[in-house]
N, C-alpha and C. Protein backbone atom coordinates (compact mmCIF):
# COMPACT_ATOMS: atom_id res chain seq x y z
N MET A 1 13.12 -2.39 7.54
CA MET A 1 13.35 -1.45 7.77
C MET A 1 13.50 -0.25 6.66
N HIS A 2 13.37 0.58 6.84
CA HIS A 2 13.05 1.28 6.04
C HIS A 2 14.26 3.01 6.41
N TYR A 3 14.46 3.77 5.82
CA TYR A 3 14.96 4.87 5.65
C TYR A 3 14.56 6.26 5.32
N GLU A 4 14.28 7.26 6.02
CA GLU A 4 13.15 8.28 6.17
C GLU A 4 14.33 9.36 5.32
N PHE A 5 13.55 10.18 4.43
CA PHE A 5 14.69 11.48 4.17
C PHE A 5 13.86 12.68 3.72
N LEU A 6 14.41 13.84 3.99
CA LEU A 6 13.10 14.71 3.39
C LEU A 6 12.65 15.25 4.54
N LYS A 7 12.43 14.23 6.06
CA LYS A 7 11.55 14.21 6.94
C LYS A 7 9.95 14.07 6.35
N ARG A 8 9.91 13.10 5.28
CA ARG A 8 8.62 12.63 4.75
C ARG A 8 8.56 11.68 4.06
N TYR A 9 9.82 11.38 3.33
CA TYR A 9 9.76 10.16 2.39
C TYR A 9 10.38 9.03 2.77
N ARG A 10 9.94 7.64 2.35
CA ARG A 10 10.53 6.60 3.17
C ARG A 10 11.03 5.69 1.65
N ILE A 11 12.18 4.67 2.19
CA ILE A 11 12.07 3.88 1.39
C ILE A 11 12.96 2.51 2.07
N GLY A 12 12.12 1.54 1.95
CA GLY A 12 12.93 -0.06 2.49
C GLY A 12 12.85 -1.13 2.01
N ILE A 13 13.37 -2.13 2.84
CA ILE A 13 13.02 -3.43 2.43
C ILE A 13 12.26 -4.14 3.53
N GLY A 14 11.83 -5.18 3.46
CA GLY A 14 11.24 -5.87 4.29
C GLY A 14 10.83 -7.53 4.24
N TYR A 15 10.60 -8.22 5.18
CA TYR A 15 10.55 -9.92 5.26
C TYR A 15 9.44 -10.50 6.26
N SER A 16 8.44 -10.78 6.13
CA SER A 16 7.62 -11.61 7.01
C SER A 16 7.43 -12.48 6.66
N TYR A 17 6.73 -13.65 7.72
CA TYR A 17 7.13 -14.75 7.68
C TYR A 17 5.20 -15.40 8.80
N GLU A 18 4.27 -15.59 7.77
CA GLU A 18 2.82 -15.62 8.58
C GLU A 18 2.21 -16.43 8.38
N LEU A 19 0.97 -17.18 9.33
CA LEU A 19 0.50 -18.17 9.07
C LEU A 19 -0.86 -17.58 8.16
N MET A 20 -1.01 -18.82 7.24
CA MET A 20 -2.25 -18.70 6.41
C MET A 20 -3.11 -19.56 6.51
N SER A 21 -4.13 -19.29 6.70
CA SER A 21 -5.13 -20.62 6.53
C SER A 21 -6.29 -20.09 5.51
N MET A 22 -6.45 -21.26 4.73
CA MET A 22 -7.33 -21.15 3.11
C MET A 22 -8.42 -21.85 3.53
N GLY A 23 -9.92 -21.04 2.87
CA GLY A 23 -11.54 -21.36 3.29
C GLY A 23 -11.58 -22.56 2.03
N THR A 24 -13.10 -22.42 1.65
CA THR A 24 -13.53 -23.15 0.71
C THR A 24 -13.34 -22.29 -0.62
N TYR A 25 -12.86 -23.01 -1.61
CA TYR A 25 -12.72 -22.46 -3.00
C TYR A 25 -14.08 -22.87 -3.95
N HIS A 26 -14.56 -21.25 -4.30
CA HIS A 26 -15.40 -21.51 -4.61
C HIS A 26 -15.35 -21.04 -6.43
N SER A 27 -15.74 -21.84 -7.23
CA SER A 27 -16.25 -20.97 -8.65
C SER A 27 -16.68 -19.70 -9.10
N ILE A 28 -16.21 -18.99 -9.65
CA ILE A 28 -16.53 -17.70 -10.25
C ILE A 28 -17.78 -17.87 -11.41
N SER A 29 -17.47 -18.54 -12.64
CA SER A 29 -18.15 -19.38 -13.54
C SER A 29 -18.72 -20.58 -12.72
N TYR A 30 -20.07 -21.45 -13.75
CA TYR A 30 -20.93 -21.85 -13.62
C TYR A 30 -20.95 -22.66 -11.77
N GLN A 31 -21.13 -21.70 -11.01
CA GLN A 31 -21.25 -22.22 -10.18
C GLN A 31 -22.07 -23.08 -9.57
N ASP A 32 -23.47 -23.21 -10.87
CA ASP A 32 -24.53 -24.28 -10.62
C ASP A 32 -24.42 -25.69 -10.49
N LYS A 33 -23.10 -26.01 -11.30
CA LYS A 33 -22.43 -27.21 -12.04
C LYS A 33 -21.15 -27.70 -11.18
N ILE A 34 -20.19 -26.53 -10.92
CA ILE A 34 -19.07 -26.57 -10.25
C ILE A 34 -19.25 -26.28 -8.68
N SER A 35 -18.69 -27.62 -7.91
CA SER A 35 -19.47 -27.55 -6.22
C SER A 35 -18.16 -26.72 -5.74
N GLY A 36 -18.24 -26.26 -4.61
CA GLY A 36 -16.77 -25.70 -3.97
C GLY A 36 -15.74 -26.98 -3.29
N PHE A 37 -14.51 -26.43 -3.17
CA PHE A 37 -13.59 -27.27 -2.61
C PHE A 37 -12.69 -26.74 -1.48
N ARG A 38 -12.26 -27.69 -0.41
CA ARG A 38 -11.96 -27.48 0.45
C ARG A 38 -10.71 -27.91 0.59
N PRO A 39 -9.51 -27.55 0.64
CA PRO A 39 -8.06 -28.46 0.98
C PRO A 39 -7.79 -29.29 1.93
N ALA A 40 -7.53 -30.44 1.81
CA ALA A 40 -7.32 -31.45 2.76
C ALA A 40 -6.39 -30.29 3.94
N LYS A 41 -5.44 -29.82 3.51
CA LYS A 41 -4.65 -29.19 4.01
C LYS A 41 -4.58 -27.79 4.26
N PRO A 42 -5.53 -27.28 4.79
CA PRO A 42 -5.86 -25.70 4.66
C PRO A 42 -5.04 -24.60 5.46
N THR A 43 -3.72 -24.89 6.27
CA THR A 43 -3.55 -23.84 6.75
C THR A 43 -1.75 -24.49 6.44
N GLY A 44 -1.01 -23.17 6.29
CA GLY A 44 0.61 -22.93 6.12
C GLY A 44 1.26 -21.83 6.52
N PHE A 45 2.85 -21.88 6.12
CA PHE A 45 3.35 -20.55 6.56
C PHE A 45 3.80 -19.92 5.08
N MET A 46 3.13 -19.04 5.06
CA MET A 46 4.66 -18.25 3.59
C MET A 46 5.43 -16.79 4.19
N ASN A 47 6.07 -17.21 3.51
CA ASN A 47 7.09 -16.29 3.09
C ASN A 47 6.81 -14.92 2.20
N LYS A 48 7.00 -14.04 2.85
CA LYS A 48 6.56 -12.85 1.89
C LYS A 48 8.37 -11.81 1.86
N TYR A 49 8.73 -11.49 0.75
CA TYR A 49 9.67 -10.17 1.08
C TYR A 49 9.93 -9.05 -0.15
N PHE A 50 9.52 -7.81 0.30
CA PHE A 50 8.84 -6.77 -0.46
C PHE A 50 10.06 -5.19 -0.17
N VAL A 51 9.72 -4.79 -1.47
CA VAL A 51 10.16 -3.22 -1.05
C VAL A 51 9.36 -2.37 -0.86
N MET A 52 9.56 -1.56 0.16
CA MET A 52 8.44 -0.43 0.40
C MET A 52 8.69 0.98 0.43
N LEU A 53 7.80 1.57 -0.31
CA LEU A 53 7.72 2.63 -0.66
C LEU A 53 6.78 3.61 0.14
N GLY A 54 7.20 4.78 0.85
CA GLY A 54 5.80 5.72 1.51
C GLY A 54 6.38 7.11 1.34
N GLY A 55 5.17 7.57 1.99
CA GLY A 55 5.24 9.49 2.15
C GLY A 55 4.18 9.78 3.19
N SER A 56 4.73 10.92 3.86
CA SER A 56 4.06 10.60 4.90
C SER A 56 2.92 12.05 4.36
N PHE A 57 1.66 12.33 4.84
CA PHE A 57 0.77 13.43 4.11
C PHE A 57 -0.12 14.49 5.41
N TYR A 58 0.03 13.96 6.62
CA TYR A 58 -0.56 14.66 7.30
C TYR A 58 0.02 14.76 8.76
N ARG A 59 -0.17 15.31 9.73
CA ARG A 59 -0.02 15.05 11.15
C ARG A 59 -0.85 15.72 11.76
N LEU A 60 -1.14 15.15 13.00
CA LEU A 60 -2.10 15.59 13.71
C LEU A 60 -1.71 15.28 15.44
N GLY A 61 -0.98 16.63 15.75
CA GLY A 61 0.00 16.50 17.32
C GLY A 61 0.71 15.24 17.33
N ASP A 62 0.45 14.38 18.05
CA ASP A 62 1.65 13.43 18.23
C ASP A 62 1.49 12.35 16.83
N TYR A 63 0.58 12.68 16.14
CA TYR A 63 0.16 10.99 15.10
C TYR A 63 0.44 11.57 13.67
N LEU A 64 1.27 10.68 13.33
CA LEU A 64 1.45 11.42 11.82
C LEU A 64 0.97 9.84 11.12
N PHE A 65 0.78 10.43 9.74
CA PHE A 65 -0.41 9.60 8.68
C PHE A 65 0.87 9.37 7.83
N THR A 66 0.97 8.21 7.30
CA THR A 66 1.84 7.96 6.02
C THR A 66 0.90 6.82 5.43
N GLY A 67 1.46 7.01 4.03
CA GLY A 67 0.40 6.30 2.95
C GLY A 67 2.11 5.32 2.50
N ASP A 68 1.65 4.00 2.24
CA ASP A 68 3.03 3.48 1.76
C ASP A 68 2.55 2.00 0.97
N LEU A 69 3.54 1.81 0.12
CA LEU A 69 3.19 0.45 -0.93
C LEU A 69 4.46 -0.62 -1.21
N ASN A 70 3.79 -1.63 -0.58
CA ASN A 70 4.62 -2.66 -0.51
C ASN A 70 4.26 -3.99 -1.95
N ILE A 71 5.95 -3.91 -2.82
CA ILE A 71 5.94 -4.63 -3.80
C ILE A 71 6.99 -5.82 -3.75
N GLY A 72 6.68 -7.32 -3.92
CA GLY A 72 7.24 -7.97 -3.81
C GLY A 72 6.82 -9.61 -4.27
N GLY A 73 7.96 -10.64 -3.71
CA GLY A 73 7.14 -11.43 -4.18
C GLY A 73 7.11 -12.56 -3.04
N TYR A 74 6.23 -13.59 -3.06
CA TYR A 74 5.79 -14.73 -2.02
C TYR A 74 6.01 -16.22 -1.85
N SER A 75 6.27 -16.84 -1.39
CA SER A 75 6.19 -18.58 -1.17
C SER A 75 5.44 -18.80 -0.71
N PRO A 76 4.17 -19.35 -1.08
CA PRO A 76 3.21 -19.90 0.07
C PRO A 76 4.39 -21.55 0.80
N GLY A 77 3.20 -21.86 1.88
CA GLY A 77 3.92 -23.03 2.58
C GLY A 77 3.45 -24.76 2.04
N THR A 78 3.92 -25.30 2.90
CA THR A 78 3.88 -27.06 2.40
C THR A 78 1.94 -27.21 2.13
N ASN A 79 1.29 -26.38 2.24
CA ASN A 79 -0.16 -26.80 2.10
C ASN A 79 -0.40 -26.32 0.34
N PHE A 80 0.12 -26.06 -0.42
CA PHE A 80 0.60 -25.67 -2.02
C PHE A 80 1.65 -26.87 -2.23
N ASN A 81 1.06 -26.92 -3.52
CA ASN A 81 2.18 -27.96 -4.29
C ASN A 81 2.37 -27.23 -5.71
N LYS A 82 3.66 -26.40 -5.00
CA LYS A 82 4.67 -25.46 -5.93
C LYS A 82 4.59 -25.80 -6.98
N SER A 83 5.00 -27.51 -7.31
CA SER A 83 5.46 -27.50 -9.15
C SER A 83 3.83 -27.58 -10.03
N LEU A 84 2.65 -27.41 -9.01
CA LEU A 84 1.52 -27.19 -10.26
C LEU A 84 0.86 -25.60 -10.51
N ILE A 85 1.82 -24.68 -9.66
CA ILE A 85 0.94 -23.12 -9.41
C ILE A 85 2.28 -22.07 -10.19
N LYS A 86 1.88 -21.19 -10.39
CA LYS A 86 2.86 -20.16 -11.08
C LYS A 86 2.18 -19.05 -10.70
N LYS A 87 3.59 -18.08 -9.61
CA LYS A 87 3.09 -16.95 -8.61
C LYS A 87 3.76 -15.50 -9.61
N GLY A 88 3.02 -14.82 -9.22
CA GLY A 88 3.70 -13.61 -9.71
C GLY A 88 3.84 -12.37 -8.48
N ILE A 89 4.03 -11.08 -9.25
CA ILE A 89 4.60 -10.32 -7.55
C ILE A 89 3.04 -9.85 -7.02
N TYR A 90 3.09 -9.37 -5.57
CA TYR A 90 2.48 -8.64 -4.83
C TYR A 90 2.56 -7.91 -4.48
N GLY A 91 1.38 -6.79 -4.50
CA GLY A 91 1.32 -5.65 -4.10
C GLY A 91 0.30 -5.14 -2.77
N ASN A 92 0.46 -4.33 -1.78
CA ASN A 92 -0.06 -4.42 -0.61
C ASN A 92 -0.01 -2.45 -0.69
N ILE A 93 -0.85 -1.84 -0.44
CA ILE A 93 -0.86 -0.61 0.03
C ILE A 93 -1.75 -0.31 1.23
N GLY A 94 -1.34 0.46 1.48
CA GLY A 94 -2.06 1.16 3.49
C GLY A 94 -1.77 2.38 3.89
N VAL A 95 -2.27 2.37 5.19
CA VAL A 95 -2.08 4.03 5.81
C VAL A 95 -1.60 3.94 6.89
N THR A 96 -0.66 3.54 7.31
CA THR A 96 0.24 3.59 8.72
C THR A 96 0.22 4.60 9.60
N VAL A 97 -0.25 4.74 10.51
CA VAL A 97 -0.81 6.11 11.33
C VAL A 97 0.42 5.62 12.89
N GLU A 98 0.77 6.49 12.83
CA GLU A 98 2.04 6.37 14.21
C GLU A 98 1.96 7.46 15.04
N LYS A 99 2.16 6.96 16.41
CA LYS A 99 2.20 7.53 17.73
C LYS A 99 3.57 7.98 18.33
N ASP A 100 3.92 9.06 18.35
CA ASP A 100 5.56 9.15 19.17
C ASP A 100 5.52 9.17 20.63
N PHE A 101 6.39 7.75 20.96
CA PHE A 101 6.21 7.99 22.36
C PHE A 101 7.49 8.65 22.74
N SER A 102 8.51 8.50 21.99
CA SER A 102 9.67 9.24 22.46
C SER A 102 10.70 9.61 21.13
N GLU A 103 11.49 10.16 21.03
CA GLU A 103 12.46 10.44 20.27
C GLU A 103 12.76 9.51 18.87
N TYR A 104 12.98 8.06 19.36
CA TYR A 104 13.06 7.34 18.95
C TYR A 104 12.00 6.01 18.76
N LEU A 105 10.89 6.10 19.65
CA LEU A 105 10.03 5.20 19.91
C LEU A 105 9.03 5.15 19.33
N ARG A 106 8.22 4.33 18.25
CA ARG A 106 6.81 5.03 18.21
C ARG A 106 5.53 3.92 17.72
N GLY A 107 4.73 3.72 18.01
CA GLY A 107 3.70 2.63 18.20
C GLY A 107 2.63 3.31 16.44
N PHE A 108 2.20 2.36 16.41
CA PHE A 108 1.81 2.16 15.12
C PHE A 108 0.55 1.09 14.52
N ILE A 109 -0.30 1.64 13.78
CA ILE A 109 -1.21 0.81 13.44
C ILE A 109 -1.73 0.98 12.06
N ARG A 110 -1.21 -0.01 11.22
CA ARG A 110 -1.65 -0.39 9.52
C ARG A 110 -2.72 -0.80 9.10
N PRO A 111 -4.00 -0.17 8.68
CA PRO A 111 -5.02 -0.95 7.90
C PRO A 111 -4.31 -1.02 6.43
N SER A 112 -4.62 -2.08 5.60
CA SER A 112 -3.70 -2.49 4.46
C SER A 112 -4.74 -3.54 3.33
N PHE A 113 -4.54 -2.97 2.48
CA PHE A 113 -5.55 -4.04 1.28
C PHE A 113 -4.22 -4.66 0.90
N GLU A 114 -4.23 -6.19 0.23
CA GLU A 114 -3.24 -6.89 -0.52
C GLU A 114 -3.58 -7.72 -1.56
N MET A 115 -3.11 -7.79 -2.88
CA MET A 115 -3.50 -8.38 -4.15
C MET A 115 -2.63 -9.28 -4.55
N LYS A 116 -2.91 -10.63 -4.27
CA LYS A 116 -2.06 -11.20 -4.95
C LYS A 116 -2.58 -12.66 -5.94
N GLY A 117 -2.19 -13.76 -6.39
CA GLY A 117 -2.81 -14.71 -7.28
C GLY A 117 -1.96 -15.54 -7.30
N TYR A 118 -2.43 -16.22 -7.74
CA TYR A 118 -1.64 -17.78 -8.93
C TYR A 118 -2.34 -18.25 -9.44
N THR A 119 -1.61 -18.88 -10.69
CA THR A 119 -2.16 -19.92 -11.78
C THR A 119 -1.66 -21.35 -11.63
N LEU A 120 -3.16 -22.17 -11.57
CA LEU A 120 -2.68 -23.33 -11.24
C LEU A 120 -2.93 -24.42 -12.86
N SER A 121 -1.91 -25.30 -12.51
CA SER A 121 -2.28 -25.99 -14.17
C SER A 121 -2.52 -27.31 -14.05
N VAL A 122 -4.06 -27.51 -14.70
CA VAL A 122 -4.33 -29.14 -14.31
C VAL A 122 -4.78 -29.38 -15.59
N ASP A 123 -3.91 -30.32 -16.06
CA ASP A 123 -4.67 -31.50 -17.23
C ASP A 123 -4.37 -30.21 -18.67
N ASP A 124 -3.44 -29.67 -18.82
CA ASP A 124 -2.98 -28.79 -19.80
C ASP A 124 -3.92 -27.71 -19.77
N LYS A 125 -4.47 -27.43 -18.49
CA LYS A 125 -5.71 -26.25 -18.32
C LYS A 125 -4.99 -24.90 -17.46
N SER A 126 -4.95 -23.86 -17.25
CA SER A 126 -4.76 -23.19 -16.84
C SER A 126 -6.24 -22.13 -15.46
N ILE A 127 -5.93 -22.14 -14.23
CA ILE A 127 -7.18 -21.60 -13.63
C ILE A 127 -6.56 -20.69 -12.73
N LYS A 128 -7.03 -19.73 -12.57
CA LYS A 128 -6.56 -18.59 -11.96
C LYS A 128 -7.55 -18.24 -10.84
N HIS A 129 -6.55 -18.28 -9.71
CA HIS A 129 -6.87 -18.20 -8.24
C HIS A 129 -6.43 -16.61 -7.27
N HIS A 130 -7.17 -16.24 -7.12
CA HIS A 130 -7.16 -15.17 -6.15
C HIS A 130 -7.14 -15.12 -4.82
N LEU A 131 -5.71 -14.61 -4.06
CA LEU A 131 -5.75 -14.57 -2.27
C LEU A 131 -5.49 -13.51 -2.11
N ASN A 132 -6.72 -12.34 -1.91
CA ASN A 132 -6.63 -11.08 -2.19
C ASN A 132 -6.85 -11.34 -0.16
N ALA A 133 -6.52 -10.13 0.07
CA ALA A 133 -6.50 -9.99 1.89
C ALA A 133 -6.12 -8.39 2.21
N VAL A 134 -7.24 -8.90 3.42
CA VAL A 134 -7.13 -7.08 4.66
C VAL A 134 -6.20 -7.21 5.58
N TYR A 135 -5.40 -6.48 5.91
CA TYR A 135 -4.80 -6.28 6.71
C TYR A 135 -4.83 -5.44 7.99
N ILE A 136 -4.57 -5.86 9.24
CA ILE A 136 -4.69 -4.80 10.40
C ILE A 136 -3.34 -4.73 11.33
N ASN A 137 -2.20 -4.56 10.60
CA ASN A 137 -0.80 -4.69 11.50
C ASN A 137 -0.73 -3.81 12.84
N ILE A 138 -0.59 -4.02 13.62
CA ILE A 138 -0.29 -3.52 14.80
C ILE A 138 1.04 -3.75 15.71
N GLY A 139 2.44 -2.59 15.97
CA GLY A 139 3.00 -2.56 16.69
C GLY A 139 3.82 -1.46 16.97
N VAL A 140 5.34 -1.76 16.86
CA VAL A 140 6.14 -0.65 17.55
C VAL A 140 7.42 -0.52 16.89
N THR A 141 8.07 0.81 15.96
CA THR A 141 9.11 0.88 15.81
C THR A 141 10.06 1.83 16.48
N TYR A 142 11.41 1.24 15.94
CA TYR A 142 12.53 2.20 17.03
C TYR A 142 13.47 2.55 15.79
N SER A 143 13.85 3.88 15.67
CA SER A 143 14.55 4.88 15.16
C SER A 143 16.12 4.71 15.43
N LEU A 144 17.18 4.03 14.75
CA LEU A 144 18.25 4.22 15.17
C LEU A 144 18.90 5.63 15.31
N PRO A 145 19.37 5.94 16.79
CA PRO A 145 20.25 7.69 16.82
C PRO A 145 20.61 7.98 15.51
N SER A 146 21.15 8.89 15.13
CA SER A 146 21.92 9.20 14.45
C SER A 146 23.14 10.09 14.95
N LEU A 147 23.34 10.26 16.19
CA LEU A 147 24.70 10.47 17.40
C LEU A 147 24.55 9.29 18.29
N PRO A 148 25.88 9.09 18.39
CA PRO A 148 26.31 8.13 19.50
C PRO A 148 26.19 8.35 20.77
N ARG A 149 25.64 7.66 21.85
CA ARG A 149 25.17 8.68 23.27
C ARG A 149 26.31 8.73 24.17
N CYS A 150 26.33 9.69 24.72
CA CYS A 150 27.64 10.59 25.61
C CYS A 150 28.32 9.41 26.53
N TYR A 151 29.54 9.45 26.41
CA TYR A 151 30.03 8.43 26.93
C TYR A 151 30.61 8.48 28.28
N ASN A 152 30.10 9.98 28.93
CA ASN A 152 30.62 10.44 30.06
C ASN A 152 29.25 10.07 30.85
N LYS A 153 29.28 9.38 31.98
CA LYS A 153 28.41 9.02 33.05
C LYS A 153 27.67 9.93 33.90
N ASN A 154 29.04 10.89 34.19
CA ASN A 154 28.45 12.12 35.65
C ASN A 154 27.55 13.06 34.33
N CYS A 155 27.39 13.10 32.78
CA CYS A 155 27.02 14.07 32.35
C CYS A 155 25.73 14.39 32.21
N HIS A 156 25.22 15.37 32.69
CA HIS A 156 23.86 15.33 33.08
C HIS A 156 22.90 16.34 31.64
N ALA A 157 23.66 16.82 30.69
CA ALA A 157 23.24 17.24 29.66
C ALA A 157 21.93 16.98 28.92
N GLN A 158 20.85 17.48 28.87
CA GLN A 158 19.67 17.01 28.35
C GLN A 158 19.65 17.24 27.06
N ILE A 159 20.37 18.21 26.34
CA ILE A 159 20.35 18.64 24.82
C ILE A 159 21.68 17.83 23.97
N ASN A 160 21.28 17.41 22.63
CA ASN A 160 22.80 17.25 22.06
C ASN A 160 23.39 17.88 22.25
N HIS A 161 25.05 17.38 22.55
CA HIS A 161 25.94 18.82 22.85
C HIS A 161 27.19 17.98 22.55
N ALA A 162 28.97 18.61 22.81
CA ALA A 162 29.84 17.90 22.36
C ALA A 162 31.02 17.94 23.39
N HIS A 163 31.69 17.35 23.43
CA HIS A 163 32.55 17.00 23.84
C HIS A 163 34.39 17.23 22.70
N GLY A 164 34.66 17.87 23.37
CA GLY A 164 36.03 17.85 22.29
C GLY A 164 35.69 18.63 21.26
N ASP A 165 36.02 17.89 19.67
CA ASP A 165 35.35 17.89 18.34
C ASP A 165 34.44 17.43 17.93
N ARG A 166 33.54 16.10 19.13
CA ARG A 166 32.56 15.45 18.52
C ARG A 166 31.36 15.58 19.37
N GLU A 167 30.42 15.51 18.48
CA GLU A 167 28.73 16.04 18.56
C GLU A 167 28.22 14.22 19.43
N TYR A 168 27.48 14.71 20.67
CA TYR A 168 27.19 13.12 21.14
C TYR A 168 25.76 13.34 22.05
N ARG A 169 24.61 12.77 21.84
CA ARG A 169 23.23 12.72 22.22
C ARG A 169 23.10 12.57 23.65
N SER A 170 21.95 13.13 24.46
CA SER A 170 22.12 13.05 25.67
C SER A 170 21.68 11.82 26.08
N ARG A 171 22.50 11.40 27.64
CA ARG A 171 22.31 9.88 27.94
C ARG A 171 20.65 10.23 29.34
N MET A 172 20.17 11.49 29.44
CA MET A 172 19.15 11.71 30.09
C MET A 172 17.81 11.18 29.15
N HIS A 173 17.86 10.80 27.60
CA HIS A 173 16.69 11.10 27.44
C HIS A 173 16.47 9.58 27.20
N LYS A 174 14.98 9.61 27.75
CA LYS A 174 14.19 7.68 28.17
C LYS A 174 13.53 7.38 26.73
N ILE A 175 13.89 6.28 26.82
CA ILE A 175 13.30 5.48 24.98
C ILE A 175 11.10 5.64 25.21
N TRP A 176 10.91 5.80 26.91
CA TRP A 176 9.35 5.76 26.41
C TRP A 176 8.95 7.40 26.73
N LYS A 177 9.77 8.38 26.75
CA LYS A 177 9.16 9.77 26.98
C LYS A 177 10.02 10.84 25.94
N TRP A 178 8.90 11.35 25.20
CA TRP A 178 9.68 12.31 24.41
C TRP A 178 10.57 12.91 24.84
N GLN A 179 11.56 13.56 23.79
CA GLN A 179 12.56 14.54 24.34
C GLN A 179 12.63 15.66 22.82
N ASN A 180 12.89 16.85 22.91
CA ASN A 180 13.20 17.76 21.71
C ASN A 180 15.08 17.55 21.77
N PRO A 181 15.73 17.51 21.00
CA PRO A 181 16.95 17.49 21.18
C PRO A 181 17.70 18.29 21.68
N ASN A 182 16.99 19.87 21.11
CA ASN A 182 17.65 20.69 20.97
C ASN A 182 17.52 21.58 22.46
N TYR A 183 16.60 21.01 23.18
CA TYR A 183 16.77 21.61 24.52
C TYR A 183 15.93 20.42 25.46
N GLY A 184 16.34 20.54 26.75
CA GLY A 184 15.93 19.67 27.96
C GLY A 184 14.56 19.68 28.20
N GLN A 185 14.06 17.82 28.40
CA GLN A 185 12.57 18.03 29.14
C GLN A 185 12.24 17.47 30.22
N ASN A 186 13.27 16.65 30.66
CA ASN A 186 13.26 15.70 31.38
C ASN A 186 12.99 16.35 32.66
N ASN A 187 13.42 17.91 32.75
CA ASN A 187 13.12 18.80 34.41
C ASN A 187 12.55 19.91 33.77
N PRO A 188 11.23 19.96 33.04
CA PRO A 188 11.10 21.29 32.94
C PRO A 188 11.16 22.23 34.18
N GLU A 189 10.84 21.81 34.84
CA GLU A 189 10.29 22.83 36.29
C GLU A 189 11.83 23.25 36.88
N LEU A 190 12.27 23.72 37.22
CA LEU A 190 13.88 23.94 38.29
C LEU A 190 13.29 23.53 40.06
N ILE A 191 14.08 22.66 40.46
CA ILE A 191 13.53 21.92 41.92
C ILE A 191 13.69 23.50 42.85
N ARG A 192 13.84 24.50 42.70
CA ARG A 192 13.80 25.29 43.66
C ARG A 192 12.25 25.92 43.54
N TYR A 193 11.54 25.43 42.54
CA TYR A 193 10.28 25.80 42.62
C TYR A 193 9.41 24.60 42.91
N LYS A 194 9.69 23.45 43.13
CA LYS A 194 9.31 22.31 43.16
C LYS A 194 8.94 21.66 44.49
N GLY A 195 7.91 21.23 44.96
CA GLY A 195 7.54 20.74 46.72
C GLY A 195 7.55 22.08 47.59
N LYS A 196 8.07 21.88 48.42
CA LYS A 196 8.34 22.84 49.39
C LYS A 196 8.91 24.17 49.44
N ASN A 197 9.49 24.07 48.03
CA ASN A 197 9.90 25.43 48.02
C ASN A 197 9.14 26.52 47.12
N LYS A 198 8.00 25.91 46.64
CA LYS A 198 7.33 26.34 45.55
C LYS A 198 6.08 27.41 46.47
N ARG A 199 6.03 27.65 48.08
CA ARG A 199 6.11 27.76 48.99
C ARG A 199 6.88 29.20 49.60
N LYS A 200 7.86 28.99 49.49
CA LYS A 200 8.91 29.82 49.58
C LYS A 200 8.26 31.28 48.96
N LEU A 201 8.55 32.71 49.66
CA LEU A 201 8.47 33.98 48.71
C LEU A 201 10.02 33.94 47.93
N ASN A 202 10.74 33.58 48.48
CA ASN A 202 12.16 33.83 48.07
C ASN A 202 12.95 32.68 47.28
N PRO A 203 12.49 31.93 46.28
CA PRO A 203 13.13 30.46 46.12
C PRO A 203 14.59 30.35 46.25
N TYR A 204 15.37 31.64 45.70
CA TYR A 204 16.52 31.55 46.01
C TYR A 204 17.18 31.20 47.21
């Protein structure tokens, strides 16, 4: 969940719950003397909570490119002995590519690189472990409208408009179709120019 301002910058918070699977651990030093180790329970669920900062830097048609950074903490699952590890914060940096489906609905793909790790305490010794990862996230986002939907079911205005002293958004805007809130696009061609009418010399 994030807030966009100045039509460019973003700030928000997030939470994720993900499945984590660990492979075989290999020592960086003394590899010829220390063999690899595979945990008895290699899979578990990890909780992550973070603050997000971002800024859009390029637009190509319907595609918007935004660089963003997630910083926060994490809690590994039951496949870790939490009494023996000391965690720090983690950082995730990536680029989000969004495509506008409508005024409020967007699809996105986000490749990113994440840096995190922990220190394992064994027999009064500390061993550092890295849990860096590459992610490719795919999904959709929905923006909450700034104006309430028009209450009048018989209102066919396609633009943001007023009833009395209050402004409303159109009831005609479809969630899957782009609309410009300043002028309607549901019917860009008048009915008198469609179908059989377009063959008439005088459509009026």
